Amino acid sequence: MNAFSGQPEPGRQPSATVVEVVWGLPMGLGPRWQGVTSGPGVAGVLPPREEVEAIYGAAAAEPPLNEDPKFAALFADVYEVSVQKGQVVMALARNQADGRLTAFAYGHHWKWEEQKYPWAFDLQRSLGERCVELESTFALNLLARDPERREQGIGRRTLQAWLHAVAGYGCWLQTDDIDSPARRLYQSLGFTELGHGPEAPNGRPGLVMHRMPDANPPRQPW
């Protein structure tokens, strides 16, 4: 899913933002993991679920998504479980001045045999034969940017950092099937429509988009 909308606020001067990529552990960080709160000097660690929920919830509440806050809480819960039980890769944009988290994109490697839960079953049924395109790819679970930080390009930079980290693989995502800044961003970075998946927060089938691997990918850290 995504929560990315709008243009820079007129007359507002953007603050310097640092984007980094953080990998979790292959077997997850365990049930006691809680994340490290963003702040001055914080780097190389994954943020807590509360920060993910706050940023996604604030952004998704705005047009064109206008999502109920319950979805931000749900997606934050999924993020927490994903970090605890498996390896995630996350691109993080933080304000250089105070270390505050301003945008993120995270996901994980996808193999169908490992996805044993109702949403994945629904996705497989919805895509039919096209589901093979997702095997051994990376799923982009969530992309969001703080709506108070509308400087031009921060969402793009964050997503590009994530894509660079998984460049040796195809990747995919599900988003609302509407005309939105996020959808246009995905299209501009090489994602194409694959089909429709389970119900999105707007009550309609979500749009599944797929991106082919880069031709000359960097070496992966694992």
N, C-alpha and C. Protein backbone atom coordinates (compact mmCIF):
# COMPACT_ATOMS: atom_id res chain seq x y z
N MET A 1 0.85 -1.18 0.00
CA MET A 1 0.00 0.00 0.00
C MET A 1 0.89 1.24 0.00
N ASN A 2 0.25 2.40 -0.06
CA ASN A 2 1.03 3.62 -0.13
C ASN A 2 0.29 4.76 0.52
N ALA A 3 1.04 5.75 0.96
CA ALA A 3 0.46 7.00 1.44
C ALA A 3 1.42 8.10 1.02
N PHE A 4 1.15 8.59 -0.18
CA PHE A 4 2.07 9.54 -0.79
C PHE A 4 1.23 10.47 -1.65
N SER A 5 1.20 11.74 -1.28
CA SER A 5 0.33 12.65 -2.03
C SER A 5 0.86 14.07 -1.96
N GLY A 6 0.44 14.87 -2.91
CA GLY A 6 0.67 16.30 -2.84
C GLY A 6 2.00 16.77 -3.38
N GLN A 7 2.12 18.08 -3.47
CA GLN A 7 3.31 18.77 -3.95
C GLN A 7 3.89 19.59 -2.80
N PRO A 8 5.07 20.16 -2.97
CA PRO A 8 5.66 20.97 -1.90
C PRO A 8 4.77 22.15 -1.53
N GLU A 9 4.79 22.52 -0.25
CA GLU A 9 4.03 23.68 0.16
C GLU A 9 4.71 24.94 -0.36
N PRO A 10 3.97 25.84 -1.01
CA PRO A 10 4.57 27.05 -1.55
C PRO A 10 5.29 27.85 -0.47
N GLY A 11 6.53 28.26 -0.79
CA GLY A 11 7.29 29.10 0.12
C GLY A 11 7.97 28.41 1.26
N ARG A 12 7.75 27.07 1.38
CA ARG A 12 8.38 26.36 2.49
C ARG A 12 9.74 25.85 2.07
N GLN A 13 10.76 26.12 2.88
CA GLN A 13 12.11 25.70 2.57
C GLN A 13 12.33 24.28 3.08
N PRO A 14 12.74 23.36 2.20
CA PRO A 14 12.94 21.98 2.63
C PRO A 14 14.17 21.84 3.53
N SER A 15 14.06 20.96 4.52
CA SER A 15 15.19 20.64 5.37
C SER A 15 15.99 19.52 4.72
N ALA A 16 17.29 19.48 5.01
CA ALA A 16 18.14 18.42 4.47
C ALA A 16 17.67 17.08 5.00
N THR A 17 17.59 16.10 4.11
CA THR A 17 17.10 14.78 4.46
C THR A 17 18.13 13.73 4.06
N VAL A 18 18.38 12.80 4.94
CA VAL A 18 19.31 11.70 4.68
C VAL A 18 18.51 10.42 4.48
N VAL A 19 18.78 9.71 3.39
CA VAL A 19 18.10 8.45 3.11
C VAL A 19 19.09 7.30 3.25
N GLU A 20 18.73 6.30 4.01
CA GLU A 20 19.56 5.12 4.18
C GLU A 20 18.72 3.86 4.02
N VAL A 21 19.39 2.73 3.81
CA VAL A 21 18.73 1.44 3.71
C VAL A 21 19.19 0.56 4.85
N VAL A 22 18.23 -0.06 5.53
CA VAL A 22 18.53 -0.95 6.66
C VAL A 22 17.93 -2.32 6.37
N TRP A 23 18.74 -3.36 6.56
CA TRP A 23 18.28 -4.75 6.40
C TRP A 23 18.05 -5.36 7.77
N GLY A 24 16.95 -6.10 7.91
CA GLY A 24 16.75 -6.90 9.10
C GLY A 24 17.55 -8.19 9.01
N LEU A 25 17.39 -9.06 10.00
CA LEU A 25 18.08 -10.34 10.00
C LEU A 25 17.28 -11.38 9.23
N PRO A 26 17.94 -12.36 8.60
CA PRO A 26 17.24 -13.37 7.79
C PRO A 26 16.13 -14.10 8.54
N MET A 27 16.32 -14.38 9.82
CA MET A 27 15.30 -15.10 10.59
C MET A 27 14.47 -14.16 11.46
N GLY A 28 14.57 -12.87 11.22
CA GLY A 28 13.83 -11.91 12.01
C GLY A 28 14.57 -11.47 13.25
N LEU A 29 14.08 -10.44 13.90
CA LEU A 29 14.72 -9.88 15.09
C LEU A 29 14.10 -10.37 16.39
N GLY A 30 13.14 -11.28 16.29
CA GLY A 30 12.60 -11.90 17.48
C GLY A 30 11.40 -11.17 18.08
N PRO A 31 10.64 -11.86 18.92
CA PRO A 31 9.39 -11.30 19.47
C PRO A 31 9.58 -10.14 20.42
N ARG A 32 10.80 -9.93 20.92
CA ARG A 32 11.03 -8.82 21.85
C ARG A 32 11.45 -7.53 21.15
N TRP A 33 11.64 -7.62 19.83
CA TRP A 33 12.06 -6.41 19.11
C TRP A 33 10.99 -5.32 19.21
N GLN A 34 11.41 -4.09 19.46
CA GLN A 34 10.48 -2.97 19.55
C GLN A 34 10.91 -1.76 18.71
N GLY A 35 12.09 -1.79 18.13
CA GLY A 35 12.54 -0.67 17.31
C GLY A 35 13.20 0.41 18.14
N VAL A 36 13.91 1.29 17.46
CA VAL A 36 14.61 2.41 18.10
C VAL A 36 13.97 3.71 17.63
N THR A 37 13.53 4.52 18.55
CA THR A 37 12.88 5.79 18.22
C THR A 37 13.86 6.71 17.48
N SER A 38 13.38 7.31 16.40
CA SER A 38 14.22 8.20 15.61
C SER A 38 14.58 9.45 16.41
N GLY A 39 15.80 9.95 16.18
CA GLY A 39 16.26 11.14 16.87
C GLY A 39 17.66 11.49 16.41
N PRO A 40 18.25 12.52 16.97
CA PRO A 40 19.60 12.92 16.57
C PRO A 40 20.60 11.78 16.70
N GLY A 41 21.35 11.53 15.65
CA GLY A 41 22.37 10.50 15.68
C GLY A 41 21.89 9.09 15.47
N VAL A 42 20.59 8.88 15.36
CA VAL A 42 20.06 7.53 15.16
C VAL A 42 20.19 7.14 13.69
N ALA A 43 20.81 6.00 13.43
CA ALA A 43 20.99 5.52 12.06
C ALA A 43 21.24 4.03 12.09
N GLY A 44 20.97 3.36 10.99
CA GLY A 44 21.27 1.94 10.87
C GLY A 44 20.36 1.02 11.64
N VAL A 45 19.22 1.51 12.09
CA VAL A 45 18.27 0.70 12.85
C VAL A 45 16.86 0.90 12.30
N LEU A 46 16.01 -0.08 12.56
CA LEU A 46 14.63 0.00 12.11
C LEU A 46 13.78 0.75 13.13
N PRO A 47 12.84 1.57 12.66
CA PRO A 47 12.01 2.36 13.58
C PRO A 47 10.91 1.51 14.21
N PRO A 48 10.35 1.94 15.34
CA PRO A 48 9.26 1.20 15.98
C PRO A 48 7.96 1.31 15.19
N ARG A 49 7.05 0.42 15.47
CA ARG A 49 5.77 0.39 14.76
C ARG A 49 5.00 1.70 14.93
N GLU A 50 5.17 2.36 16.07
CA GLU A 50 4.43 3.60 16.33
C GLU A 50 4.79 4.68 15.32
N GLU A 51 6.04 4.75 14.91
CA GLU A 51 6.44 5.76 13.92
C GLU A 51 5.88 5.41 12.54
N VAL A 52 5.88 4.13 12.22
CA VAL A 52 5.30 3.70 10.94
C VAL A 52 3.81 4.03 10.91
N GLU A 53 3.12 3.73 11.98
CA GLU A 53 1.68 4.02 12.05
C GLU A 53 1.41 5.51 11.96
N ALA A 54 2.21 6.32 12.65
CA ALA A 54 1.97 7.76 12.68
C ALA A 54 2.16 8.38 11.30
N ILE A 55 3.23 8.03 10.61
CA ILE A 55 3.49 8.63 9.31
C ILE A 55 2.49 8.14 8.27
N TYR A 56 2.26 6.83 8.23
CA TYR A 56 1.30 6.32 7.25
C TYR A 56 -0.09 6.86 7.54
N GLY A 57 -0.50 6.87 8.80
CA GLY A 57 -1.84 7.33 9.14
C GLY A 57 -2.07 8.78 8.77
N ALA A 58 -1.07 9.64 9.02
CA ALA A 58 -1.21 11.05 8.69
C ALA A 58 -1.30 11.26 7.19
N ALA A 59 -0.48 10.54 6.44
CA ALA A 59 -0.48 10.71 4.99
C ALA A 59 -1.73 10.12 4.35
N ALA A 60 -2.14 8.93 4.83
CA ALA A 60 -3.29 8.25 4.22
C ALA A 60 -4.62 8.91 4.55
N ALA A 61 -4.64 9.77 5.57
CA ALA A 61 -5.88 10.46 5.92
C ALA A 61 -6.21 11.57 4.93
N GLU A 62 -5.21 11.98 4.13
CA GLU A 62 -5.41 13.05 3.17
C GLU A 62 -5.92 12.51 1.83
N PRO A 63 -6.52 13.40 1.00
CA PRO A 63 -6.90 12.98 -0.35
C PRO A 63 -5.67 12.59 -1.15
N PRO A 64 -5.77 11.62 -2.08
CA PRO A 64 -7.01 10.98 -2.51
C PRO A 64 -7.37 9.72 -1.74
N LEU A 65 -6.58 9.32 -0.73
CA LEU A 65 -6.87 8.06 -0.05
C LEU A 65 -7.99 8.19 0.97
N ASN A 66 -7.90 9.17 1.86
CA ASN A 66 -8.94 9.40 2.89
C ASN A 66 -9.23 8.12 3.68
N GLU A 67 -8.17 7.46 4.12
CA GLU A 67 -8.34 6.16 4.77
C GLU A 67 -8.72 6.29 6.24
N ASP A 68 -9.47 5.30 6.70
CA ASP A 68 -9.78 5.16 8.12
C ASP A 68 -8.48 4.86 8.88
N PRO A 69 -8.26 5.47 10.05
CA PRO A 69 -7.03 5.23 10.82
C PRO A 69 -6.79 3.77 11.17
N LYS A 70 -7.83 2.95 11.14
CA LYS A 70 -7.66 1.54 11.50
C LYS A 70 -6.70 0.84 10.55
N PHE A 71 -6.62 1.32 9.30
CA PHE A 71 -5.72 0.67 8.35
C PHE A 71 -4.26 0.98 8.68
N ALA A 72 -3.98 2.17 9.16
CA ALA A 72 -2.62 2.50 9.57
C ALA A 72 -2.19 1.60 10.73
N ALA A 73 -3.09 1.36 11.67
CA ALA A 73 -2.78 0.47 12.79
C ALA A 73 -2.56 -0.95 12.31
N LEU A 74 -3.39 -1.40 11.36
CA LEU A 74 -3.24 -2.75 10.81
C LEU A 74 -1.90 -2.91 10.09
N PHE A 75 -1.57 -1.94 9.24
CA PHE A 75 -0.32 -2.04 8.48
C PHE A 75 0.89 -1.94 9.40
N ALA A 76 0.78 -1.17 10.48
CA ALA A 76 1.87 -1.08 11.44
C ALA A 76 2.05 -2.41 12.17
N ASP A 77 0.96 -3.09 12.48
CA ASP A 77 1.05 -4.41 13.09
C ASP A 77 1.74 -5.40 12.15
N VAL A 78 1.39 -5.34 10.87
CA VAL A 78 2.03 -6.22 9.88
C VAL A 78 3.52 -5.93 9.81
N TYR A 79 3.88 -4.66 9.83
CA TYR A 79 5.30 -4.28 9.82
C TYR A 79 6.02 -4.89 11.01
N GLU A 80 5.46 -4.75 12.20
CA GLU A 80 6.10 -5.26 13.40
C GLU A 80 6.31 -6.77 13.32
N VAL A 81 5.29 -7.49 12.90
CA VAL A 81 5.41 -8.95 12.78
C VAL A 81 6.43 -9.33 11.71
N SER A 82 6.45 -8.58 10.61
CA SER A 82 7.40 -8.86 9.55
C SER A 82 8.84 -8.72 10.02
N VAL A 83 9.11 -7.69 10.82
CA VAL A 83 10.46 -7.47 11.34
C VAL A 83 10.82 -8.55 12.35
N GLN A 84 9.88 -8.95 13.18
CA GLN A 84 10.15 -9.93 14.22
C GLN A 84 10.38 -11.33 13.67
N LYS A 85 9.66 -11.68 12.58
CA LYS A 85 9.66 -13.07 12.12
C LYS A 85 10.45 -13.32 10.83
N GLY A 86 10.85 -12.28 10.12
CA GLY A 86 11.55 -12.49 8.86
C GLY A 86 12.45 -11.31 8.53
N GLN A 87 13.11 -11.40 7.38
CA GLN A 87 14.02 -10.34 6.97
C GLN A 87 13.29 -9.29 6.14
N VAL A 88 13.37 -8.06 6.56
CA VAL A 88 12.82 -6.96 5.80
C VAL A 88 13.96 -6.08 5.32
N VAL A 89 13.68 -5.33 4.26
CA VAL A 89 14.62 -4.29 3.81
C VAL A 89 13.83 -3.00 3.80
N MET A 90 14.40 -1.95 4.39
CA MET A 90 13.67 -0.70 4.60
C MET A 90 14.53 0.49 4.23
N ALA A 91 13.99 1.35 3.41
CA ALA A 91 14.62 2.63 3.11
C ALA A 91 14.00 3.68 4.02
N LEU A 92 14.85 4.46 4.68
CA LEU A 92 14.40 5.42 5.68
C LEU A 92 14.91 6.80 5.33
N ALA A 93 14.03 7.79 5.35
CA ALA A 93 14.43 9.18 5.15
C ALA A 93 14.27 9.90 6.48
N ARG A 94 15.37 10.49 6.96
CA ARG A 94 15.34 11.18 8.24
C ARG A 94 15.82 12.61 8.07
N ASN A 95 15.20 13.51 8.82
CA ASN A 95 15.60 14.91 8.84
C ASN A 95 17.00 15.00 9.43
N GLN A 96 17.91 15.61 8.69
CA GLN A 96 19.30 15.67 9.14
C GLN A 96 19.45 16.48 10.42
N ALA A 97 18.59 17.45 10.64
CA ALA A 97 18.72 18.33 11.80
C ALA A 97 18.35 17.64 13.11
N ASP A 98 17.21 16.96 13.13
CA ASP A 98 16.74 16.36 14.38
C ASP A 98 16.57 14.85 14.33
N GLY A 99 16.87 14.24 13.18
CA GLY A 99 16.78 12.79 13.07
C GLY A 99 15.38 12.23 12.93
N ARG A 100 14.38 13.11 12.80
CA ARG A 100 12.99 12.64 12.74
C ARG A 100 12.73 11.87 11.45
N LEU A 101 12.04 10.75 11.57
CA LEU A 101 11.67 9.96 10.41
C LEU A 101 10.63 10.71 9.59
N THR A 102 10.89 10.86 8.29
CA THR A 102 9.99 11.63 7.43
C THR A 102 9.39 10.81 6.29
N ALA A 103 10.00 9.68 5.95
CA ALA A 103 9.47 8.83 4.90
C ALA A 103 10.09 7.45 5.03
N PHE A 104 9.40 6.46 4.51
CA PHE A 104 9.95 5.10 4.54
C PHE A 104 9.33 4.26 3.43
N ALA A 105 10.05 3.23 3.04
CA ALA A 105 9.55 2.20 2.15
C ALA A 105 10.13 0.88 2.66
N TYR A 106 9.29 -0.12 2.85
CA TYR A 106 9.82 -1.39 3.33
C TYR A 106 9.13 -2.56 2.63
N GLY A 107 9.83 -3.68 2.61
CA GLY A 107 9.27 -4.88 2.02
C GLY A 107 10.11 -6.09 2.37
N HIS A 108 9.83 -7.20 1.70
CA HIS A 108 10.53 -8.45 2.01
C HIS A 108 10.51 -9.36 0.79
N HIS A 109 11.39 -10.36 0.83
CA HIS A 109 11.46 -11.33 -0.26
C HIS A 109 10.20 -12.18 -0.25
N TRP A 110 9.74 -12.52 -1.46
CA TRP A 110 8.46 -13.20 -1.60
C TRP A 110 8.63 -14.54 -2.30
N LYS A 111 8.28 -15.62 -1.59
CA LYS A 111 8.16 -16.95 -2.18
C LYS A 111 6.79 -17.49 -1.78
N TRP A 112 6.07 -18.00 -2.75
CA TRP A 112 4.69 -18.40 -2.48
C TRP A 112 4.59 -19.46 -1.39
N GLU A 113 5.54 -20.38 -1.35
CA GLU A 113 5.46 -21.46 -0.37
C GLU A 113 5.57 -20.95 1.07
N GLU A 114 6.08 -19.74 1.24
CA GLU A 114 6.22 -19.17 2.58
C GLU A 114 5.04 -18.30 2.99
N GLN A 115 4.14 -18.03 2.06
CA GLN A 115 3.04 -17.10 2.33
C GLN A 115 1.77 -17.87 2.66
N LYS A 116 1.65 -18.31 3.90
CA LYS A 116 0.55 -19.16 4.31
C LYS A 116 -0.44 -18.40 5.19
N TYR A 117 -1.13 -17.43 4.59
CA TYR A 117 -2.12 -16.66 5.33
C TYR A 117 -3.19 -16.19 4.35
N PRO A 118 -4.39 -15.83 4.84
CA PRO A 118 -5.54 -15.57 3.97
C PRO A 118 -5.31 -14.53 2.89
N TRP A 119 -4.63 -13.41 3.21
CA TRP A 119 -4.45 -12.37 2.20
C TRP A 119 -3.64 -12.89 1.02
N ALA A 120 -2.60 -13.68 1.29
CA ALA A 120 -1.79 -14.23 0.21
C ALA A 120 -2.58 -15.23 -0.62
N PHE A 121 -3.41 -16.01 0.04
CA PHE A 121 -4.25 -16.95 -0.71
C PHE A 121 -5.20 -16.20 -1.64
N ASP A 122 -5.79 -15.11 -1.14
CA ASP A 122 -6.68 -14.30 -1.97
C ASP A 122 -5.93 -13.69 -3.15
N LEU A 123 -4.71 -13.23 -2.89
CA LEU A 123 -3.90 -12.65 -3.96
C LEU A 123 -3.62 -13.68 -5.04
N GLN A 124 -3.26 -14.88 -4.65
CA GLN A 124 -2.95 -15.93 -5.61
C GLN A 124 -4.17 -16.29 -6.45
N ARG A 125 -5.31 -16.39 -5.80
CA ARG A 125 -6.55 -16.69 -6.54
C ARG A 125 -6.90 -15.56 -7.50
N SER A 126 -6.73 -14.32 -7.05
CA SER A 126 -7.11 -13.18 -7.88
C SER A 126 -6.23 -13.06 -9.12
N LEU A 127 -4.95 -13.33 -8.97
CA LEU A 127 -4.02 -13.19 -10.10
C LEU A 127 -4.05 -14.39 -11.03
N GLY A 128 -4.44 -15.53 -10.52
CA GLY A 128 -4.47 -16.72 -11.38
C GLY A 128 -3.08 -17.08 -11.87
N GLU A 129 -2.95 -17.39 -13.15
CA GLU A 129 -1.67 -17.79 -13.72
C GLU A 129 -0.60 -16.70 -13.62
N ARG A 130 -1.03 -15.46 -13.51
CA ARG A 130 -0.07 -14.36 -13.44
C ARG A 130 0.68 -14.31 -12.10
N CYS A 131 0.22 -15.11 -11.13
CA CYS A 131 0.89 -15.10 -9.82
C CYS A 131 2.33 -15.59 -9.92
N VAL A 132 2.68 -16.35 -10.97
CA VAL A 132 4.06 -16.85 -11.10
C VAL A 132 5.04 -15.69 -11.27
N GLU A 133 4.56 -14.53 -11.74
CA GLU A 133 5.44 -13.38 -11.91
C GLU A 133 5.99 -12.86 -10.59
N LEU A 134 5.33 -13.22 -9.49
CA LEU A 134 5.74 -12.71 -8.18
C LEU A 134 6.70 -13.65 -7.46
N GLU A 135 6.90 -14.85 -7.98
CA GLU A 135 7.77 -15.80 -7.30
C GLU A 135 9.21 -15.30 -7.24
N SER A 136 9.81 -15.39 -6.06
CA SER A 136 11.19 -14.99 -5.82
C SER A 136 11.44 -13.54 -6.22
N THR A 137 10.51 -12.67 -5.86
CA THR A 137 10.65 -11.23 -6.05
C THR A 137 10.68 -10.58 -4.67
N PHE A 138 10.70 -9.25 -4.65
CA PHE A 138 10.53 -8.52 -3.40
C PHE A 138 9.19 -7.80 -3.42
N ALA A 139 8.44 -7.96 -2.35
CA ALA A 139 7.18 -7.25 -2.19
C ALA A 139 7.44 -5.92 -1.49
N LEU A 140 6.96 -4.84 -2.07
CA LEU A 140 6.99 -3.54 -1.40
C LEU A 140 5.73 -3.44 -0.56
N ASN A 141 5.87 -3.63 0.73
CA ASN A 141 4.71 -3.66 1.61
C ASN A 141 4.08 -2.31 1.84
N LEU A 142 4.92 -1.29 2.04
CA LEU A 142 4.39 0.01 2.44
C LEU A 142 5.35 1.12 2.05
N LEU A 143 4.77 2.21 1.56
CA LEU A 143 5.49 3.44 1.25
C LEU A 143 4.70 4.60 1.83
N ALA A 144 5.36 5.48 2.56
CA ALA A 144 4.67 6.63 3.12
C ALA A 144 5.64 7.78 3.34
N ARG A 145 5.08 8.99 3.31
CA ARG A 145 5.87 10.19 3.57
C ARG A 145 5.07 11.12 4.47
N ASP A 146 5.74 11.70 5.45
CA ASP A 146 5.11 12.64 6.36
C ASP A 146 4.49 13.78 5.56
N PRO A 147 3.17 14.01 5.67
CA PRO A 147 2.54 15.08 4.89
C PRO A 147 3.03 16.47 5.26
N GLU A 148 3.69 16.62 6.40
CA GLU A 148 4.25 17.92 6.78
C GLU A 148 5.59 18.18 6.09
N ARG A 149 6.10 17.16 5.39
CA ARG A 149 7.38 17.30 4.70
C ARG A 149 7.16 17.09 3.21
N ARG A 150 6.65 18.12 2.57
CA ARG A 150 6.30 17.98 1.17
C ARG A 150 7.38 18.48 0.21
N GLU A 151 8.62 18.50 0.65
CA GLU A 151 9.65 18.97 -0.27
C GLU A 151 9.73 18.01 -1.46
N GLN A 152 9.95 18.59 -2.61
CA GLN A 152 9.93 17.84 -3.86
C GLN A 152 10.94 16.70 -3.84
N GLY A 153 10.45 15.50 -4.10
CA GLY A 153 11.32 14.36 -4.36
C GLY A 153 11.65 13.45 -3.20
N ILE A 154 11.19 13.72 -1.98
CA ILE A 154 11.58 12.87 -0.86
C ILE A 154 10.99 11.47 -0.98
N GLY A 155 9.73 11.37 -1.42
CA GLY A 155 9.13 10.06 -1.62
C GLY A 155 9.83 9.28 -2.72
N ARG A 156 10.15 9.96 -3.80
CA ARG A 156 10.86 9.32 -4.91
C ARG A 156 12.24 8.85 -4.47
N ARG A 157 12.98 9.69 -3.75
CA ARG A 157 14.31 9.31 -3.29
C ARG A 157 14.26 8.09 -2.38
N THR A 158 13.27 8.05 -1.52
CA THR A 158 13.14 6.92 -0.60
C THR A 158 12.84 5.64 -1.35
N LEU A 159 11.90 5.70 -2.29
CA LEU A 159 11.57 4.51 -3.07
C LEU A 159 12.74 4.09 -3.95
N GLN A 160 13.43 5.04 -4.55
CA GLN A 160 14.58 4.70 -5.38
C GLN A 160 15.66 3.99 -4.57
N ALA A 161 15.87 4.42 -3.33
CA ALA A 161 16.85 3.76 -2.47
C ALA A 161 16.44 2.31 -2.21
N TRP A 162 15.17 2.09 -1.97
CA TRP A 162 14.66 0.73 -1.74
C TRP A 162 14.83 -0.12 -2.99
N LEU A 163 14.48 0.44 -4.14
CA LEU A 163 14.61 -0.29 -5.39
C LEU A 163 16.07 -0.63 -5.69
N HIS A 164 16.97 0.29 -5.38
CA HIS A 164 18.39 0.03 -5.59
C HIS A 164 18.86 -1.13 -4.73
N ALA A 165 18.33 -1.23 -3.52
CA ALA A 165 18.74 -2.29 -2.61
C ALA A 165 18.31 -3.67 -3.09
N VAL A 166 17.20 -3.75 -3.81
CA VAL A 166 16.68 -5.05 -4.28
C VAL A 166 16.77 -5.17 -5.80
N ALA A 167 17.69 -4.41 -6.40
CA ALA A 167 17.73 -4.27 -7.85
C ALA A 167 17.97 -5.57 -8.60
N GLY A 168 18.53 -6.58 -7.96
CA GLY A 168 18.74 -7.85 -8.64
C GLY A 168 17.50 -8.69 -8.77
N TYR A 169 16.41 -8.21 -8.23
CA TYR A 169 15.16 -8.96 -8.22
C TYR A 169 14.03 -8.14 -8.84
N GLY A 170 13.03 -8.84 -9.34
CA GLY A 170 11.80 -8.16 -9.66
C GLY A 170 11.13 -7.75 -8.35
N CYS A 171 10.21 -6.83 -8.42
CA CYS A 171 9.47 -6.43 -7.23
C CYS A 171 8.05 -6.07 -7.60
N TRP A 172 7.21 -6.01 -6.61
CA TRP A 172 5.80 -5.76 -6.88
C TRP A 172 5.16 -5.10 -5.66
N LEU A 173 3.96 -4.62 -5.86
CA LEU A 173 3.20 -3.97 -4.79
C LEU A 173 1.72 -4.02 -5.12
N GLN A 174 0.91 -3.75 -4.13
CA GLN A 174 -0.52 -3.53 -4.37
C GLN A 174 -0.88 -2.14 -3.87
N THR A 175 -1.62 -1.41 -4.69
CA THR A 175 -2.03 -0.07 -4.35
C THR A 175 -3.50 0.12 -4.71
N ASP A 176 -4.08 1.21 -4.28
CA ASP A 176 -5.46 1.51 -4.66
C ASP A 176 -5.53 1.75 -6.16
N ASP A 177 -6.56 1.22 -6.80
CA ASP A 177 -6.72 1.36 -8.24
C ASP A 177 -7.40 2.70 -8.55
N ILE A 178 -6.68 3.77 -8.26
CA ILE A 178 -7.15 5.13 -8.52
C ILE A 178 -5.99 5.93 -9.10
N ASP A 179 -6.32 7.07 -9.68
CA ASP A 179 -5.28 7.98 -10.14
C ASP A 179 -4.74 8.71 -8.92
N SER A 180 -3.48 8.48 -8.60
CA SER A 180 -2.89 9.07 -7.40
C SER A 180 -1.43 9.40 -7.66
N PRO A 181 -0.85 10.31 -6.86
CA PRO A 181 0.58 10.58 -7.00
C PRO A 181 1.44 9.34 -6.82
N ALA A 182 1.05 8.46 -5.90
CA ALA A 182 1.83 7.24 -5.68
C ALA A 182 1.82 6.35 -6.92
N ARG A 183 0.66 6.17 -7.50
CA ARG A 183 0.57 5.33 -8.70
C ARG A 183 1.40 5.91 -9.83
N ARG A 184 1.37 7.21 -10.00
CA ARG A 184 2.17 7.84 -11.06
C ARG A 184 3.66 7.70 -10.76
N LEU A 185 4.01 7.77 -9.48
CA LEU A 185 5.41 7.56 -9.10
C LEU A 185 5.85 6.15 -9.46
N TYR A 186 5.05 5.16 -9.13
CA TYR A 186 5.39 3.78 -9.46
C TYR A 186 5.57 3.60 -10.96
N GLN A 187 4.65 4.16 -11.72
CA GLN A 187 4.74 4.03 -13.17
C GLN A 187 6.02 4.68 -13.71
N SER A 188 6.39 5.82 -13.15
CA SER A 188 7.58 6.53 -13.62
C SER A 188 8.86 5.76 -13.30
N LEU A 189 8.81 4.85 -12.33
CA LEU A 189 9.97 4.07 -11.94
C LEU A 189 9.93 2.64 -12.49
N GLY A 190 9.06 2.41 -13.44
CA GLY A 190 9.09 1.14 -14.15
C GLY A 190 8.08 0.09 -13.74
N PHE A 191 7.19 0.40 -12.82
CA PHE A 191 6.14 -0.56 -12.45
C PHE A 191 5.04 -0.57 -13.52
N THR A 192 4.56 -1.75 -13.84
CA THR A 192 3.45 -1.88 -14.79
C THR A 192 2.33 -2.70 -14.15
N GLU A 193 1.14 -2.54 -14.64
CA GLU A 193 -0.02 -3.22 -14.07
C GLU A 193 0.03 -4.72 -14.39
N LEU A 194 -0.15 -5.54 -13.36
CA LEU A 194 -0.16 -6.99 -13.52
C LEU A 194 -1.56 -7.57 -13.42
N GLY A 195 -2.39 -6.99 -12.57
CA GLY A 195 -3.75 -7.49 -12.38
C GLY A 195 -4.32 -6.89 -11.11
N HIS A 196 -5.36 -7.52 -10.60
CA HIS A 196 -5.99 -7.04 -9.38
C HIS A 196 -5.89 -8.09 -8.29
N GLY A 197 -5.79 -7.60 -7.05
CA GLY A 197 -5.63 -8.47 -5.90
C GLY A 197 -6.76 -8.32 -4.91
N PRO A 198 -6.50 -8.64 -3.64
CA PRO A 198 -7.54 -8.54 -2.60
C PRO A 198 -8.04 -7.11 -2.42
N GLU A 199 -9.08 -6.99 -1.64
CA GLU A 199 -9.70 -5.69 -1.40
C GLU A 199 -8.74 -4.73 -0.75
N ALA A 200 -8.67 -3.51 -1.27
CA ALA A 200 -7.84 -2.44 -0.72
C ALA A 200 -8.65 -1.67 0.33
N PRO A 201 -8.04 -0.76 1.05
CA PRO A 201 -8.78 0.01 2.05
C PRO A 201 -9.99 0.76 1.52
N ASN A 202 -10.00 1.09 0.22
CA ASN A 202 -11.16 1.80 -0.32
C ASN A 202 -12.32 0.87 -0.67
N GLY A 203 -12.18 -0.41 -0.33
CA GLY A 203 -13.27 -1.36 -0.56
C GLY A 203 -13.30 -1.97 -1.94
N ARG A 204 -12.37 -1.62 -2.80
CA ARG A 204 -12.30 -2.15 -4.15
C ARG A 204 -11.06 -3.03 -4.31
N PRO A 205 -11.07 -3.92 -5.31
CA PRO A 205 -9.87 -4.75 -5.53
C PRO A 205 -8.64 -3.87 -5.75
N GLY A 206 -7.55 -4.21 -5.07
CA GLY A 206 -6.33 -3.45 -5.21
C GLY A 206 -5.66 -3.72 -6.55
N LEU A 207 -4.88 -2.76 -7.01
CA LEU A 207 -4.13 -2.89 -8.25
C LEU A 207 -2.74 -3.44 -7.94
N VAL A 208 -2.38 -4.56 -8.56
CA VAL A 208 -1.06 -5.16 -8.39
C VAL A 208 -0.16 -4.67 -9.52
N MET A 209 1.00 -4.12 -9.14
CA MET A 209 1.95 -3.60 -10.11
C MET A 209 3.28 -4.32 -9.94
N HIS A 210 3.94 -4.59 -11.06
CA HIS A 210 5.17 -5.39 -11.07
C HIS A 210 6.27 -4.63 -11.78
N ARG A 211 7.50 -4.85 -11.32
CA ARG A 211 8.68 -4.21 -11.92
C ARG A 211 9.74 -5.27 -12.17
N MET A 212 10.31 -5.29 -13.35
CA MET A 212 11.33 -6.26 -13.72
C MET A 212 12.65 -5.93 -13.01
N PRO A 213 13.54 -6.92 -12.86
CA PRO A 213 14.86 -6.65 -12.24
C PRO A 213 15.67 -5.68 -13.09
N ASP A 214 16.54 -4.91 -12.43
CA ASP A 214 17.46 -4.04 -13.16
C ASP A 214 18.47 -4.89 -13.92
N ALA A 215 18.94 -4.36 -15.03
CA ALA A 215 19.85 -5.11 -15.90
C ALA A 215 21.21 -5.34 -15.23
N ASN A 216 21.73 -4.34 -14.52
CA ASN A 216 23.06 -4.43 -13.90
C ASN A 216 22.94 -4.12 -12.42
N PRO A 217 22.42 -5.06 -11.63
CA PRO A 217 22.16 -4.80 -10.22
C PRO A 217 23.44 -4.80 -9.39
N PRO A 218 23.43 -4.06 -8.26
CA PRO A 218 24.56 -4.10 -7.33
C PRO A 218 24.56 -5.41 -6.57
N ARG A 219 25.66 -5.75 -5.93
CA ARG A 219 25.71 -6.94 -5.10
C ARG A 219 24.85 -6.75 -3.85
N GLN A 220 24.16 -7.82 -3.47
CA GLN A 220 23.31 -7.77 -2.29
C GLN A 220 24.13 -8.03 -1.03
N PRO A 221 23.69 -7.50 0.13
CA PRO A 221 24.45 -7.68 1.36
C PRO A 221 24.22 -9.01 2.06
N TRP A 222 23.49 -9.93 1.45
CA TRP A 222 23.19 -11.20 2.13
C TRP A 222 23.33 -12.37 1.21
